[in-house]
Amino acid sequence: MPALEALEKAAELVGGDRAEAYGDIYQNHKNIAMLWNGYLCNIDELKPEDVANLMELMKIARRKTGEFNADNYVDGAGYSGVALECREQEDNFNQSLGFSEDS
């Protein structure tokens, strides 16, 4: 897809379907920022689990504005599962190096 076509499609989505689905752009992103700021307040370095948790928070913020969209709930549950897998892999890796969950 040529760059210009991608930009035109993005502009169409932001002003059309996405605006209807997620409500006011500013309020939606303000909600996301507030949730992410709360989550990140005590984190020095992001891990894969944190990324999945932040994506789940984005879905939660989207539930608050715009029209009802069941996908936001399904996607949120999906990100929760991804976070779980990431955490388990991180724990398994740390255990293989001889670190406990408490270290």
C-alpha atoms as a PDB file:
ATOM      1  CA  MET A   1       0.000   0.000   0.000  1.00  0.00           C
ATOM      2  CA  PRO A   2       1.492   3.363  -0.951  1.00  0.00           C
ATOM      3  CA  ALA A   3       2.128   5.782   1.924  1.00  0.00           C
ATOM      4  CA  LEU A   4      -0.420   8.326   0.673  1.00  0.00           C
ATOM      5  CA  GLU A   5      -3.132   5.669   0.506  1.00  0.00           C
ATOM      6  CA  ALA A   6      -2.301   4.542   4.056  1.00  0.00           C
ATOM      7  CA  LEU A   7      -2.540   8.129   5.308  1.00  0.00           C
ATOM      8  CA  GLU A   8      -5.867   8.696   3.568  1.00  0.00           C
ATOM      9  CA  LYS A   9      -7.276   5.489   5.072  1.00  0.00           C
ATOM     10  CA  ALA A  10      -6.014   6.476   8.537  1.00  0.00           C
ATOM     11  CA  ALA A  11      -7.647   9.914   8.242  1.00  0.00           C
ATOM     12  CA  GLU A  12     -10.913   8.282   7.173  1.00  0.00           C
ATOM     13  CA  LEU A  13     -10.864   5.920  10.168  1.00  0.00           C
ATOM     14  CA  VAL A  14      -9.918   8.559  12.744  1.00  0.00           C
ATOM     15  CA  GLY A  15     -12.692  10.863  11.602  1.00  0.00           C
ATOM     16  CA  GLY A  16     -15.269   8.147  10.912  1.00  0.00           C
ATOM     17  CA  ASP A  17     -15.596   4.651  12.344  1.00  0.00           C
ATOM     18  CA  ARG A  18     -13.065   5.110  15.133  1.00  0.00           C
ATOM     19  CA  ALA A  19     -14.581   8.403  16.264  1.00  0.00           C
ATOM     20  CA  GLU A  20     -18.004   6.766  16.501  1.00  0.00           C
ATOM     21  CA  ALA A  21     -16.666   3.671  18.256  1.00  0.00           C
ATOM     22  CA  TYR A  22     -14.369   5.345  20.786  1.00  0.00           C
ATOM     23  CA  GLY A  23     -15.892   8.778  21.250  1.00  0.00           C
ATOM     24  CA  ASP A  24     -14.044  12.057  21.553  1.00  0.00           C
ATOM     25  CA  ILE A  25     -10.359  11.656  20.653  1.00  0.00           C
ATOM     26  CA  TYR A  26      -9.111  13.918  23.436  1.00  0.00           C
ATOM     27  CA  GLN A  27     -11.249  12.341  26.171  1.00  0.00           C
ATOM     28  CA  ASN A  28     -10.358   8.813  25.037  1.00  0.00           C
ATOM     29  CA  HIS A  29      -6.638   9.544  25.151  1.00  0.00           C
ATOM     30  CA  LYS A  30      -6.991  11.452  28.424  1.00  0.00           C
ATOM     31  CA  ASN A  31      -8.594   8.344  29.957  1.00  0.00           C
ATOM     32  CA  ILE A  32      -5.787   6.150  28.592  1.00  0.00           C
ATOM     33  CA  ALA A  33      -3.144   8.559  29.933  1.00  0.00           C
ATOM     34  CA  MET A  34      -4.673   8.596  33.417  1.00  0.00           C
ATOM     35  CA  LEU A  35      -4.776   4.788  33.572  1.00  0.00           C
ATOM     36  CA  TRP A  36      -1.245   4.424  32.190  1.00  0.00           C
ATOM     37  CA  ASN A  37       0.152   7.077  34.565  1.00  0.00           C
ATOM     38  CA  GLY A  38      -1.347   5.223  37.513  1.00  0.00           C
ATOM     39  CA  TYR A  39       0.078   1.934  36.312  1.00  0.00           C
ATOM     40  CA  LEU A  40       3.544   3.329  35.546  1.00  0.00           C
ATOM     41  CA  CYS A  41       4.025   5.345  38.761  1.00  0.00           C
ATOM     42  CA  ASN A  42       6.337   2.750  40.414  1.00  0.00           C
ATOM     43  CA  ILE A  43       7.863   1.079  37.352  1.00  0.00           C
ATOM     44  CA  ASP A  44      11.444   1.791  36.314  1.00  0.00           C
ATOM     45  CA  GLU A  45      11.656  -0.627  33.390  1.00  0.00           C
ATOM     46  CA  LEU A  46       8.832  -2.099  31.338  1.00  0.00           C
ATOM     47  CA  LYS A  47       8.588  -5.865  30.934  1.00  0.00           C
ATOM     48  CA  PRO A  48       6.500  -7.724  28.353  1.00  0.00           C
ATOM     49  CA  GLU A  49       3.793  -8.315  30.989  1.00  0.00           C
ATOM     50  CA  ASP A  50       3.582  -4.548  31.560  1.00  0.00           C
ATOM     51  CA  VAL A  51       3.051  -3.893  27.852  1.00  0.00           C
ATOM     52  CA  ALA A  52       0.138  -6.353  27.763  1.00  0.00           C
ATOM     53  CA  ASN A  53      -1.300  -4.786  30.932  1.00  0.00           C
ATOM     54  CA  LEU A  54      -1.072  -1.312  29.381  1.00  0.00           C
ATOM     55  CA  MET A  55      -2.863  -2.537  26.268  1.00  0.00           C
ATOM     56  CA  GLU A  56      -5.595  -3.999  28.490  1.00  0.00           C
ATOM     57  CA  LEU A  57      -5.896  -0.618  30.227  1.00  0.00           C
ATOM     58  CA  MET A  58      -6.305   1.008  26.802  1.00  0.00           C
ATOM     59  CA  LYS A  59      -9.236  -1.310  26.129  1.00  0.00           C
ATOM     60  CA  ILE A  60     -10.700  -0.437  29.534  1.00  0.00           C
ATOM     61  CA  ALA A  61     -10.407   3.285  28.721  1.00  0.00           C
ATOM     62  CA  ARG A  62     -12.148   2.711  25.387  1.00  0.00           C
ATOM     63  CA  ARG A  63     -15.081   1.089  27.213  1.00  0.00           C
ATOM     64  CA  LYS A  64     -15.667   4.388  28.997  1.00  0.00           C
ATOM     65  CA  THR A  65     -16.175   6.552  25.889  1.00  0.00           C
ATOM     66  CA  GLY A  66     -17.936   6.033  22.594  1.00  0.00           C
ATOM     67  CA  GLU A  67     -20.402   3.340  21.686  1.00  0.00           C
ATOM     68  CA  PHE A  68     -20.592  -0.112  23.261  1.00  0.00           C
ATOM     69  CA  ASN A  69     -18.173  -2.439  21.494  1.00  0.00           C
ATOM     70  CA  ALA A  70     -17.935  -6.028  22.724  1.00  0.00           C
ATOM     71  CA  ASP A  71     -14.496  -6.291  21.083  1.00  0.00           C
ATOM     72  CA  ASN A  72     -13.077  -4.008  23.781  1.00  0.00           C
ATOM     73  CA  TYR A  73     -14.050  -6.615  26.392  1.00  0.00           C
ATOM     74  CA  VAL A  74     -12.838  -9.571  24.334  1.00  0.00           C
ATOM     75  CA  ASP A  75      -9.575  -7.830  23.444  1.00  0.00           C
ATOM     76  CA  GLY A  76      -9.092  -6.833  27.094  1.00  0.00           C
ATOM     77  CA  ALA A  77      -9.489 -10.461  28.146  1.00  0.00           C
ATOM     78  CA  GLY A  78      -7.042 -11.427  25.408  1.00  0.00           C
ATOM     79  CA  TYR A  79      -4.446  -8.964  26.683  1.00  0.00           C
ATOM     80  CA  SER A  80      -4.962 -10.321  30.197  1.00  0.00           C
ATOM     81  CA  GLY A  81      -4.125 -13.790  28.884  1.00  0.00           C
ATOM     82  CA  VAL A  82      -1.078 -12.433  27.069  1.00  0.00           C
ATOM     83  CA  ALA A  83       0.073 -10.750  30.300  1.00  0.00           C
ATOM     84  CA  LEU A  84      -0.278 -14.055  32.140  1.00  0.00           C
ATOM     85  CA  GLU A  85       1.794 -15.907  29.528  1.00  0.00           C
ATOM     86  CA  CYS A  86       4.469 -13.208  29.569  1.00  0.00           C
ATOM     87  CA  ARG A  87       4.654 -13.314  33.376  1.00  0.00           C
ATOM     88  CA  GLU A  88       4.916 -17.103  33.409  1.00  0.00           C
ATOM     89  CA  GLN A  89       7.700 -17.053  30.807  1.00  0.00           C
ATOM     90  CA  GLU A  90       9.543 -14.349  32.759  1.00  0.00           C
ATOM     91  CA  ASP A  91       9.221 -16.371  35.979  1.00  0.00           C
ATOM     92  CA  ASN A  92      10.387 -19.564  34.244  1.00  0.00           C
ATOM     93  CA  PHE A  93      13.368 -17.744  32.762  1.00  0.00           C
ATOM     94  CA  ASN A  94      14.314 -16.252  36.143  1.00  0.00           C
ATOM     95  CA  GLN A  95      13.969 -19.644  37.829  1.00  0.00           C
ATOM     96  CA  SER A  96      16.237 -21.201  35.188  1.00  0.00           C
ATOM     97  CA  LEU A  97      18.870 -18.623  36.199  1.00  0.00           C
ATOM     98  CA  GLY A  98      18.395 -19.472  39.874  1.00  0.00           C
ATOM     99  CA  PHE A  99      16.399 -16.387  40.831  1.00  0.00           C
ATOM    100  CA  SER A 100      13.265 -16.657  42.927  1.00  0.00           C
ATOM    101  CA  GLU A 101      10.142 -14.564  42.361  1.00  0.00           C
ATOM    102  CA  ASP A 102      11.041 -12.587  45.500  1.00  0.00           C
ATOM    103  CA  SER A 103      14.586 -11.656  44.422  1.00  0.00           C
END
